[in-house]
């Protein structure tokens, strides 16, 4: 099925003919490449295809509902100094949130593990450590943390994380807290809608 068709298309700027008698069709699933020297009309051709520009003569037709996107060749990427920074720019808030959650998980995990290690599992110390973690999370803007999912295999991982903290290896506890934060945020998101 034809998606785009050009028939006898021409584009002139004053006395200068940029495109003359261009005719082609693009079918569903076709892949095209457009190659040419600077100033030969590649951008003009894409402006015709997207409907941004009308031809001086001829006809351009597009199937109804067709969506076409064009990345401009000259773009302002602000202060970006790398391709990654430019590409990630629109996601800056999300990336900052991700970084912030990782920092919070680390802080919560270290404090929690150290509190557990002060008086391991005596006099409700585990509950106190979880309460302090919840208060720290609330202060950082998180909802009240839900530790209810730490059962079965996750409980074994939690105990292993406490044991790893004995040698100042907090990575397993950080993973536990990433899970707790993730579960909590998913639960809040479900109840919010």
N, C-alpha and C. Protein backbone atom coordinates (compact mmCIF):
# COMPACT_ATOMS: atom_id res chain seq x y z
N UNK A 1 0.85 -1.18 0.00
CA UNK A 1 0.00 0.00 0.00
C UNK A 1 0.90 1.24 0.00
N UNK A 2 0.58 2.17 -0.86
CA UNK A 2 1.36 3.40 -0.96
C UNK A 2 1.11 4.29 0.25
N UNK A 3 2.20 4.73 0.89
CA UNK A 3 2.12 5.62 2.04
C UNK A 3 2.32 7.08 1.63
N UNK A 4 3.27 7.30 0.72
CA UNK A 4 3.60 8.65 0.23
C UNK A 4 3.79 8.55 -1.27
N UNK A 5 3.26 9.53 -1.99
CA UNK A 5 3.46 9.57 -3.44
C UNK A 5 3.76 11.00 -3.86
N UNK A 6 4.75 11.15 -4.74
CA UNK A 6 5.05 12.44 -5.36
C UNK A 6 4.89 12.25 -6.85
N UNK A 7 4.22 13.22 -7.46
CA UNK A 7 3.98 13.12 -8.90
C UNK A 7 4.30 14.46 -9.56
N UNK A 8 5.35 14.46 -10.39
CA UNK A 8 5.73 15.66 -11.14
C UNK A 8 6.06 16.85 -10.26
N UNK A 9 6.59 16.60 -9.07
CA UNK A 9 6.85 17.68 -8.11
C UNK A 9 8.04 18.52 -8.54
N UNK A 10 7.87 19.81 -8.42
CA UNK A 10 8.95 20.75 -8.66
C UNK A 10 8.93 21.83 -7.60
N UNK A 11 10.11 22.32 -7.28
CA UNK A 11 10.24 23.42 -6.32
C UNK A 11 11.19 24.44 -6.94
N UNK A 12 10.73 25.67 -6.99
CA UNK A 12 11.56 26.76 -7.52
C UNK A 12 11.60 27.88 -6.49
N UNK A 13 12.75 28.49 -6.39
CA UNK A 13 12.93 29.69 -5.59
C UNK A 13 13.31 30.78 -6.57
N UNK A 14 12.31 31.58 -6.95
CA UNK A 14 12.57 32.58 -7.99
C UNK A 14 12.86 31.87 -9.29
N UNK A 15 13.98 32.22 -9.93
CA UNK A 15 14.37 31.60 -11.20
C UNK A 15 15.13 30.30 -10.99
N UNK A 16 15.46 29.97 -9.73
CA UNK A 16 16.26 28.77 -9.44
C UNK A 16 15.35 27.57 -9.21
N UNK A 17 15.53 26.53 -10.03
CA UNK A 17 14.80 25.27 -9.84
C UNK A 17 15.62 24.35 -8.96
N UNK A 18 15.06 24.04 -7.80
CA UNK A 18 15.77 23.13 -6.90
C UNK A 18 15.39 21.67 -7.20
N UNK A 19 14.11 21.42 -7.38
CA UNK A 19 13.62 20.09 -7.74
C UNK A 19 12.76 20.23 -9.00
N UNK A 20 12.88 19.26 -9.92
CA UNK A 20 12.13 19.35 -11.16
C UNK A 20 11.62 17.96 -11.54
N UNK A 21 10.30 17.84 -11.66
CA UNK A 21 9.64 16.61 -12.11
C UNK A 21 10.02 15.38 -11.27
N UNK A 22 9.91 15.51 -9.94
CA UNK A 22 10.22 14.41 -9.03
C UNK A 22 8.97 13.54 -8.90
N UNK A 23 9.12 12.26 -9.19
CA UNK A 23 8.01 11.32 -9.11
C UNK A 23 8.50 10.03 -8.44
N UNK A 24 7.82 9.62 -7.37
CA UNK A 24 8.12 8.34 -6.71
C UNK A 24 7.00 8.00 -5.74
N UNK A 25 7.00 6.73 -5.29
CA UNK A 25 6.06 6.29 -4.25
C UNK A 25 6.85 5.56 -3.17
N UNK A 26 6.33 5.64 -1.97
CA UNK A 26 6.90 4.90 -0.84
C UNK A 26 5.80 4.01 -0.31
N UNK A 27 6.05 2.70 -0.34
CA UNK A 27 5.06 1.74 0.15
C UNK A 27 5.29 1.40 1.61
N UNK A 28 4.29 0.80 2.21
CA UNK A 28 4.40 0.37 3.61
C UNK A 28 5.58 -0.58 3.74
N UNK A 29 6.44 -0.33 4.71
CA UNK A 29 7.59 -1.19 4.97
C UNK A 29 8.81 -0.88 4.13
N UNK A 30 8.68 0.02 3.14
CA UNK A 30 9.85 0.40 2.33
C UNK A 30 10.86 1.15 3.17
N UNK A 31 12.11 0.98 2.83
CA UNK A 31 13.20 1.71 3.49
C UNK A 31 13.93 2.49 2.41
N UNK A 32 14.10 3.77 2.63
CA UNK A 32 14.72 4.65 1.63
C UNK A 32 15.88 5.38 2.26
N UNK A 33 16.84 5.70 1.44
CA UNK A 33 17.94 6.57 1.83
C UNK A 33 18.02 7.70 0.82
N UNK A 34 18.26 8.90 1.29
CA UNK A 34 18.37 10.05 0.40
C UNK A 34 19.78 10.61 0.56
N UNK A 35 20.51 10.62 -0.54
CA UNK A 35 21.91 11.05 -0.53
C UNK A 35 22.08 12.15 -1.57
N UNK A 36 22.84 13.16 -1.23
CA UNK A 36 23.10 14.23 -2.19
C UNK A 36 24.02 15.28 -1.58
N UNK A 37 24.57 16.11 -2.45
CA UNK A 37 25.45 17.19 -1.98
C UNK A 37 24.66 18.24 -1.23
N UNK A 38 25.38 19.05 -0.47
CA UNK A 38 24.76 20.19 0.20
C UNK A 38 24.09 21.07 -0.84
N UNK A 39 22.86 21.49 -0.51
CA UNK A 39 22.14 22.39 -1.41
C UNK A 39 21.44 21.70 -2.56
N UNK A 40 21.45 20.36 -2.58
CA UNK A 40 20.83 19.66 -3.71
C UNK A 40 19.33 19.42 -3.52
N UNK A 41 18.79 19.75 -2.34
CA UNK A 41 17.35 19.64 -2.12
C UNK A 41 16.88 18.55 -1.19
N UNK A 42 17.78 17.92 -0.44
CA UNK A 42 17.38 16.83 0.46
C UNK A 42 16.41 17.34 1.53
N UNK A 43 16.75 18.41 2.19
CA UNK A 43 15.88 18.96 3.25
C UNK A 43 14.56 19.42 2.66
N UNK A 44 14.60 20.05 1.48
CA UNK A 44 13.38 20.49 0.80
C UNK A 44 12.49 19.29 0.51
N UNK A 45 13.08 18.19 0.06
CA UNK A 45 12.33 16.97 -0.22
C UNK A 45 11.61 16.48 1.04
N UNK A 46 12.32 16.47 2.17
CA UNK A 46 11.71 16.02 3.42
C UNK A 46 10.64 17.00 3.90
N UNK A 47 10.82 18.28 3.64
CA UNK A 47 9.79 19.26 4.02
C UNK A 47 8.53 19.04 3.18
N UNK A 48 8.70 18.65 1.93
CA UNK A 48 7.55 18.32 1.09
C UNK A 48 6.85 17.07 1.61
N UNK A 49 7.63 16.05 1.96
CA UNK A 49 7.07 14.79 2.45
C UNK A 49 6.29 15.01 3.74
N UNK A 50 6.83 15.83 4.66
CA UNK A 50 6.17 16.05 5.94
C UNK A 50 5.03 17.05 5.86
N UNK A 51 4.91 17.76 4.73
CA UNK A 51 3.83 18.74 4.58
C UNK A 51 4.16 20.11 5.12
N UNK A 52 5.40 20.30 5.55
CA UNK A 52 5.83 21.61 6.04
C UNK A 52 5.90 22.60 4.88
N UNK A 53 6.16 22.08 3.69
CA UNK A 53 6.31 22.92 2.50
C UNK A 53 5.43 22.35 1.38
N UNK A 54 4.89 23.22 0.56
CA UNK A 54 4.11 22.81 -0.60
C UNK A 54 4.97 22.96 -1.85
N UNK A 55 4.80 22.07 -2.84
CA UNK A 55 5.59 22.19 -4.06
C UNK A 55 5.13 23.37 -4.92
N UNK A 56 6.04 23.88 -5.73
CA UNK A 56 5.68 24.93 -6.67
C UNK A 56 4.76 24.34 -7.74
N UNK A 57 5.01 23.11 -8.12
CA UNK A 57 4.16 22.40 -9.08
C UNK A 57 4.16 20.91 -8.72
N UNK A 58 3.17 20.19 -9.23
CA UNK A 58 3.06 18.77 -8.94
C UNK A 58 2.24 18.52 -7.69
N UNK A 59 2.22 17.25 -7.27
CA UNK A 59 1.36 16.87 -6.16
C UNK A 59 2.08 15.90 -5.22
N UNK A 60 1.88 16.12 -3.91
CA UNK A 60 2.38 15.21 -2.87
C UNK A 60 1.15 14.68 -2.14
N UNK A 61 1.05 13.35 -2.03
CA UNK A 61 -0.07 12.76 -1.28
C UNK A 61 0.49 11.83 -0.20
N UNK A 62 -0.20 11.83 0.91
CA UNK A 62 0.16 10.98 2.04
C UNK A 62 -1.09 10.24 2.48
N UNK A 63 -0.95 8.98 2.84
CA UNK A 63 -2.09 8.20 3.30
C UNK A 63 -2.60 8.82 4.61
N UNK A 64 -3.92 8.80 4.80
CA UNK A 64 -4.52 9.37 6.02
C UNK A 64 -3.98 8.71 7.28
N UNK A 65 -3.74 9.49 8.32
CA UNK A 65 -3.26 8.98 9.60
C UNK A 65 -1.76 8.71 9.67
N UNK A 66 -1.06 8.96 8.56
CA UNK A 66 0.39 8.72 8.54
C UNK A 66 1.10 9.77 9.40
N UNK A 67 1.99 9.30 10.24
CA UNK A 67 2.80 10.20 11.08
C UNK A 67 4.22 10.18 10.56
N UNK A 68 4.76 11.37 10.33
CA UNK A 68 6.13 11.50 9.84
C UNK A 68 6.87 12.44 10.77
N UNK A 69 8.06 12.05 11.17
CA UNK A 69 8.90 12.89 12.02
C UNK A 69 10.19 13.20 11.29
N UNK A 70 10.70 14.38 11.54
CA UNK A 70 11.93 14.82 10.90
C UNK A 70 12.81 15.48 11.94
N UNK A 71 14.02 15.01 12.06
CA UNK A 71 14.99 15.62 12.96
C UNK A 71 15.73 16.68 12.17
N UNK A 72 15.59 17.91 12.59
CA UNK A 72 16.25 19.01 11.89
C UNK A 72 17.76 18.82 11.91
N UNK A 73 18.41 19.23 10.84
CA UNK A 73 19.85 19.03 10.76
C UNK A 73 20.63 20.01 11.62
N UNK A 74 20.05 21.16 11.94
CA UNK A 74 20.71 22.14 12.80
C UNK A 74 19.86 22.30 14.06
N UNK A 75 20.39 21.78 15.18
CA UNK A 75 19.63 21.82 16.42
C UNK A 75 20.45 22.48 17.51
N UNK A 76 19.77 23.10 18.43
CA UNK A 76 20.42 23.70 19.59
C UNK A 76 20.28 22.72 20.75
N UNK A 77 21.39 22.21 21.21
CA UNK A 77 21.37 21.27 22.32
C UNK A 77 21.78 21.93 23.63
N UNK A 78 21.65 23.24 23.70
CA UNK A 78 21.95 23.95 24.93
C UNK A 78 23.39 23.78 25.36
N UNK A 79 23.57 23.41 26.62
CA UNK A 79 24.91 23.27 27.19
C UNK A 79 25.47 21.87 27.05
N UNK A 80 24.79 20.98 26.33
CA UNK A 80 25.25 19.60 26.18
C UNK A 80 26.61 19.58 25.50
N UNK A 81 27.53 18.81 26.08
CA UNK A 81 28.88 18.71 25.50
C UNK A 81 29.16 17.32 24.94
N UNK A 82 28.24 16.38 25.19
CA UNK A 82 28.41 15.03 24.65
C UNK A 82 27.09 14.61 23.99
N UNK A 83 27.16 13.59 23.16
CA UNK A 83 25.96 13.06 22.52
C UNK A 83 25.01 12.54 23.60
N UNK A 84 25.54 11.87 24.62
CA UNK A 84 24.71 11.35 25.72
C UNK A 84 23.94 12.49 26.39
N UNK A 85 24.61 13.58 26.70
CA UNK A 85 23.94 14.71 27.34
C UNK A 85 22.83 15.27 26.45
N UNK A 86 23.09 15.37 25.17
CA UNK A 86 22.09 15.89 24.24
C UNK A 86 20.89 14.95 24.14
N UNK A 87 21.15 13.65 24.04
CA UNK A 87 20.07 12.67 23.92
C UNK A 87 19.28 12.54 25.22
N UNK A 88 19.96 12.66 26.34
CA UNK A 88 19.30 12.49 27.64
C UNK A 88 18.60 13.76 28.11
N UNK A 89 18.86 14.88 27.45
CA UNK A 89 18.30 16.17 27.86
C UNK A 89 16.82 16.15 28.19
N UNK A 90 15.97 15.61 27.32
CA UNK A 90 14.53 15.60 27.62
C UNK A 90 14.17 14.75 28.84
N UNK A 91 15.08 13.89 29.25
CA UNK A 91 14.80 13.00 30.39
C UNK A 91 15.54 13.44 31.66
N UNK A 92 15.98 14.69 31.69
CA UNK A 92 16.78 15.18 32.81
C UNK A 92 16.07 15.00 34.15
N UNK A 93 14.78 15.32 34.21
CA UNK A 93 14.05 15.19 35.48
C UNK A 93 13.98 13.73 35.91
N UNK A 94 13.72 12.84 34.97
CA UNK A 94 13.63 11.42 35.29
C UNK A 94 14.99 10.88 35.74
N UNK A 95 16.05 11.28 35.06
CA UNK A 95 17.39 10.84 35.45
C UNK A 95 17.77 11.39 36.82
N UNK A 96 17.37 12.62 37.11
CA UNK A 96 17.65 13.19 38.43
C UNK A 96 16.88 12.44 39.50
N UNK A 97 15.63 12.08 39.22
CA UNK A 97 14.84 11.30 40.16
C UNK A 97 15.49 9.94 40.41
N UNK A 98 15.95 9.30 39.34
CA UNK A 98 16.63 8.01 39.47
C UNK A 98 17.89 8.14 40.33
N UNK A 99 18.68 9.19 40.09
CA UNK A 99 19.89 9.42 40.87
C UNK A 99 19.54 9.67 42.33
N UNK A 100 18.50 10.46 42.56
CA UNK A 100 18.08 10.78 43.92
C UNK A 100 17.60 9.52 44.65
N UNK A 101 16.83 8.67 43.97
CA UNK A 101 16.37 7.43 44.61
C UNK A 101 17.54 6.51 44.94
N UNK A 102 18.54 6.47 44.06
CA UNK A 102 19.73 5.65 44.33
C UNK A 102 20.47 6.18 45.56
N UNK A 103 20.59 7.51 45.67
CA UNK A 103 21.26 8.09 46.84
C UNK A 103 20.47 7.80 48.11
N UNK A 104 19.15 7.92 48.03
CA UNK A 104 18.31 7.65 49.20
C UNK A 104 18.42 6.19 49.61
N UNK A 105 18.41 5.29 48.63
CA UNK A 105 18.53 3.87 48.95
C UNK A 105 19.86 3.60 49.65
N UNK A 106 20.92 4.23 49.18
CA UNK A 106 22.24 4.04 49.80
C UNK A 106 22.25 4.56 51.23
N UNK A 107 21.75 5.78 51.44
CA UNK A 107 21.73 6.35 52.79
C UNK A 107 20.89 5.51 53.74
N UNK A 108 19.71 5.11 53.28
CA UNK A 108 18.82 4.30 54.11
C UNK A 108 19.46 2.96 54.45
N UNK A 109 20.09 2.34 53.48
CA UNK A 109 20.70 1.02 53.68
C UNK A 109 21.84 1.09 54.69
N UNK A 110 22.70 2.08 54.57
CA UNK A 110 23.85 2.18 55.47
C UNK A 110 23.38 2.43 56.91
N UNK A 111 22.48 3.39 57.09
CA UNK A 111 22.00 3.69 58.44
C UNK A 111 21.27 2.48 59.02
N UNK A 112 20.42 1.86 58.21
CA UNK A 112 19.67 0.70 58.69
C UNK A 112 20.62 -0.43 59.12
N UNK A 113 21.58 -0.73 58.27
CA UNK A 113 22.53 -1.81 58.59
C UNK A 113 23.31 -1.49 59.85
N UNK A 114 23.78 -0.27 59.99
CA UNK A 114 24.56 0.10 61.18
C UNK A 114 23.71 0.02 62.45
N UNK A 115 22.45 0.44 62.37
CA UNK A 115 21.58 0.33 63.55
C UNK A 115 21.35 -1.13 63.93
N UNK A 116 21.14 -1.98 62.94
CA UNK A 116 20.95 -3.42 63.21
C UNK A 116 22.20 -3.98 63.88
N UNK A 117 23.37 -3.55 63.42
CA UNK A 117 24.62 -4.11 63.94
C UNK A 117 24.97 -3.61 65.34
N UNK A 118 24.39 -2.49 65.76
CA UNK A 118 24.67 -1.98 67.12
C UNK A 118 24.18 -3.00 68.15
N UNK A 119 22.94 -3.41 68.04
CA UNK A 119 22.35 -4.40 68.94
C UNK A 119 21.51 -5.35 68.09
N UNK A 120 22.14 -6.31 67.47
CA UNK A 120 21.41 -7.14 66.49
C UNK A 120 20.21 -7.86 67.07
N UNK A 121 19.05 -7.55 66.53
CA UNK A 121 17.80 -8.24 66.81
C UNK A 121 17.47 -8.37 68.29
N UNK A 122 17.89 -7.40 69.10
CA UNK A 122 17.53 -7.40 70.52
C UNK A 122 16.60 -6.23 70.81
N UNK A 123 15.71 -6.42 71.71
CA UNK A 123 14.85 -5.35 72.20
C UNK A 123 14.15 -4.60 71.06
N UNK A 124 13.73 -5.31 70.02
CA UNK A 124 13.01 -4.68 68.92
C UNK A 124 13.87 -3.78 68.06
N UNK A 125 15.18 -3.99 68.07
CA UNK A 125 16.07 -3.10 67.32
C UNK A 125 15.79 -3.12 65.82
N UNK A 126 15.37 -4.27 65.29
CA UNK A 126 15.01 -4.33 63.87
C UNK A 126 13.86 -3.40 63.56
N UNK A 127 12.85 -3.38 64.46
CA UNK A 127 11.72 -2.47 64.27
C UNK A 127 12.18 -1.03 64.37
N UNK A 128 13.07 -0.74 65.31
CA UNK A 128 13.59 0.64 65.45
C UNK A 128 14.36 1.05 64.20
N UNK A 129 15.17 0.15 63.67
CA UNK A 129 15.94 0.45 62.47
C UNK A 129 15.02 0.72 61.28
N UNK A 130 13.94 -0.06 61.17
CA UNK A 130 12.98 0.16 60.09
C UNK A 130 12.25 1.49 60.29
N UNK A 131 11.92 1.81 61.54
CA UNK A 131 11.25 3.08 61.83
C UNK A 131 12.15 4.26 61.46
N UNK A 132 13.42 4.19 61.82
CA UNK A 132 14.36 5.27 61.46
C UNK A 132 14.46 5.37 59.93
N UNK A 133 14.50 4.22 59.25
CA UNK A 133 14.55 4.23 57.78
C UNK A 133 13.31 4.91 57.21
N UNK A 134 12.14 4.60 57.79
CA UNK A 134 10.90 5.24 57.32
C UNK A 134 10.94 6.74 57.54
N UNK A 135 11.41 7.15 58.71
CA UNK A 135 11.50 8.60 59.00
C UNK A 135 12.47 9.29 58.05
N UNK A 136 13.61 8.66 57.78
CA UNK A 136 14.56 9.23 56.82
C UNK A 136 13.93 9.33 55.44
N UNK A 137 13.21 8.29 55.05
CA UNK A 137 12.54 8.31 53.75
C UNK A 137 11.50 9.41 53.66
N UNK A 138 10.70 9.55 54.72
CA UNK A 138 9.69 10.61 54.73
C UNK A 138 10.35 11.99 54.63
N UNK A 139 11.45 12.17 55.35
CA UNK A 139 12.17 13.44 55.31
C UNK A 139 12.71 13.72 53.90
N UNK A 140 13.05 12.66 53.16
CA UNK A 140 13.57 12.81 51.80
C UNK A 140 12.45 12.93 50.77
N UNK A 141 11.19 12.86 51.22
CA UNK A 141 10.08 13.01 50.29
C UNK A 141 9.46 11.72 49.80
N UNK A 142 9.92 10.58 50.34
CA UNK A 142 9.33 9.30 49.96
C UNK A 142 8.08 9.04 50.80
N UNK A 143 7.16 8.21 50.29
CA UNK A 143 6.05 7.79 51.15
C UNK A 143 6.57 6.82 52.20
N UNK A 144 5.73 6.51 53.20
CA UNK A 144 6.13 5.57 54.24
C UNK A 144 6.53 4.25 53.60
N UNK A 145 7.74 3.79 53.90
CA UNK A 145 8.27 2.59 53.28
C UNK A 145 7.51 1.35 53.73
N UNK A 146 7.29 0.44 52.79
CA UNK A 146 6.57 -0.79 53.05
C UNK A 146 7.56 -1.95 53.09
N UNK A 147 7.83 -2.44 54.29
CA UNK A 147 8.77 -3.56 54.47
C UNK A 147 8.03 -4.90 54.46
N UNK A 148 6.72 -4.89 54.22
CA UNK A 148 5.91 -6.10 54.29
C UNK A 148 6.29 -7.16 53.27
N UNK A 149 6.95 -6.76 52.20
CA UNK A 149 7.31 -7.72 51.15
C UNK A 149 8.58 -8.51 51.45
N UNK A 150 9.22 -8.25 52.60
CA UNK A 150 10.45 -8.97 52.93
C UNK A 150 10.07 -10.27 53.64
N UNK A 151 9.80 -11.29 52.79
CA UNK A 151 9.43 -12.62 53.27
C UNK A 151 10.13 -13.65 52.41
N UNK A 152 10.20 -14.85 52.89
CA UNK A 152 10.75 -15.96 52.11
C UNK A 152 12.16 -15.67 51.63
N UNK A 153 12.37 -15.76 50.32
CA UNK A 153 13.70 -15.54 49.72
C UNK A 153 14.19 -14.12 49.99
N UNK A 154 13.29 -13.15 49.97
CA UNK A 154 13.70 -11.76 50.23
C UNK A 154 14.18 -11.59 51.67
N UNK A 155 13.61 -12.35 52.59
CA UNK A 155 14.06 -12.30 53.98
C UNK A 155 15.47 -12.89 54.09
N UNK A 156 15.73 -13.97 53.36
CA UNK A 156 17.08 -14.55 53.36
C UNK A 156 18.08 -13.55 52.76
N UNK A 157 17.67 -12.85 51.71
CA UNK A 157 18.54 -11.82 51.13
C UNK A 157 18.80 -10.69 52.12
N UNK A 158 17.76 -10.34 52.88
CA UNK A 158 17.91 -9.29 53.88
C UNK A 158 18.91 -9.72 54.96
N UNK A 159 18.79 -10.94 55.45
CA UNK A 159 19.71 -11.44 56.48
C UNK A 159 21.13 -11.51 55.94
N UNK A 160 21.27 -11.95 54.69
CA UNK A 160 22.60 -11.95 54.05
C UNK A 160 23.15 -10.54 53.93
N UNK A 161 22.26 -9.57 53.67
CA UNK A 161 22.69 -8.18 53.56
C UNK A 161 23.18 -7.66 54.90
N UNK A 162 22.51 -8.05 55.98
CA UNK A 162 22.96 -7.65 57.33
C UNK A 162 24.33 -8.27 57.60
N UNK A 163 24.51 -9.54 57.25
CA UNK A 163 25.80 -10.21 57.46
C UNK A 163 26.90 -9.54 56.63
N UNK A 164 26.60 -9.14 55.39
CA UNK A 164 27.60 -8.47 54.55
C UNK A 164 27.99 -7.13 55.15
N UNK A 165 27.03 -6.48 55.83
CA UNK A 165 27.31 -5.17 56.44
C UNK A 165 28.33 -5.28 57.57
N UNK A 166 28.47 -6.48 58.15
CA UNK A 166 29.49 -6.68 59.19
C UNK A 166 30.88 -6.31 58.67
N UNK A 167 31.12 -6.55 57.39
CA UNK A 167 32.43 -6.20 56.80
C UNK A 167 32.32 -4.93 55.95
N UNK A 168 31.34 -4.10 56.27
CA UNK A 168 31.13 -2.81 55.60
C UNK A 168 30.81 -2.95 54.10
N UNK A 169 30.25 -4.09 53.71
CA UNK A 169 29.78 -4.29 52.35
C UNK A 169 28.28 -3.98 52.36
N UNK A 170 27.94 -2.77 51.95
CA UNK A 170 26.54 -2.34 52.01
C UNK A 170 25.78 -2.59 50.71
N UNK A 171 26.45 -3.07 49.67
CA UNK A 171 25.80 -3.27 48.37
C UNK A 171 24.55 -4.16 48.47
N UNK A 172 24.60 -5.30 49.19
CA UNK A 172 23.37 -6.11 49.28
C UNK A 172 22.22 -5.38 49.98
N UNK A 173 22.54 -4.60 51.02
CA UNK A 173 21.48 -3.87 51.72
C UNK A 173 20.94 -2.74 50.84
N UNK A 174 21.79 -2.15 50.02
CA UNK A 174 21.33 -1.12 49.08
C UNK A 174 20.32 -1.75 48.11
N UNK A 175 20.59 -2.96 47.65
CA UNK A 175 19.65 -3.65 46.75
C UNK A 175 18.34 -3.94 47.47
N UNK A 176 18.42 -4.32 48.74
CA UNK A 176 17.20 -4.55 49.53
C UNK A 176 16.37 -3.27 49.56
N UNK A 177 17.03 -2.14 49.84
CA UNK A 177 16.30 -0.88 49.95
C UNK A 177 15.81 -0.37 48.60
N UNK A 178 16.54 -0.66 47.54
CA UNK A 178 16.01 -0.31 46.21
C UNK A 178 14.70 -1.06 45.96
N UNK A 179 14.68 -2.32 46.38
CA UNK A 179 13.46 -3.12 46.24
C UNK A 179 12.33 -2.58 47.09
N UNK A 180 12.63 -2.22 48.34
CA UNK A 180 11.61 -1.68 49.24
C UNK A 180 11.07 -0.37 48.69
N UNK A 181 11.95 0.51 48.23
CA UNK A 181 11.52 1.80 47.67
C UNK A 181 10.68 1.55 46.41
N UNK A 182 11.13 0.66 45.54
CA UNK A 182 10.38 0.37 44.32
C UNK A 182 9.01 -0.19 44.61
N UNK A 183 8.92 -1.14 45.53
CA UNK A 183 7.63 -1.73 45.91
C UNK A 183 6.72 -0.68 46.50
N UNK A 184 7.27 0.18 47.35
CA UNK A 184 6.48 1.24 47.99
C UNK A 184 5.93 2.19 46.94
N UNK A 185 6.78 2.64 46.01
CA UNK A 185 6.33 3.60 45.00
C UNK A 185 5.29 2.98 44.07
N UNK A 186 5.45 1.70 43.73
CA UNK A 186 4.46 1.03 42.88
C UNK A 186 3.11 0.93 43.62
N UNK A 187 3.18 0.61 44.90
CA UNK A 187 1.97 0.49 45.69
C UNK A 187 1.24 1.82 45.79
N UNK A 188 2.00 2.89 46.01
CA UNK A 188 1.39 4.23 46.09
C UNK A 188 0.81 4.62 44.75
N UNK A 189 1.51 4.30 43.65
CA UNK A 189 1.01 4.65 42.31
C UNK A 189 -0.29 3.91 42.02
N UNK A 190 -0.40 2.65 42.44
CA UNK A 190 -1.62 1.89 42.20
C UNK A 190 -2.79 2.47 42.96
N UNK A 191 -2.56 2.91 44.18
CA UNK A 191 -3.66 3.44 45.00
C UNK A 191 -3.99 4.88 44.65
N UNK A 192 -3.13 5.55 43.89
CA UNK A 192 -3.37 6.94 43.53
C UNK A 192 -4.32 7.08 42.35
N UNK A 193 -4.51 6.00 41.59
CA UNK A 193 -5.32 6.12 40.37
C UNK A 193 -6.64 5.42 40.54
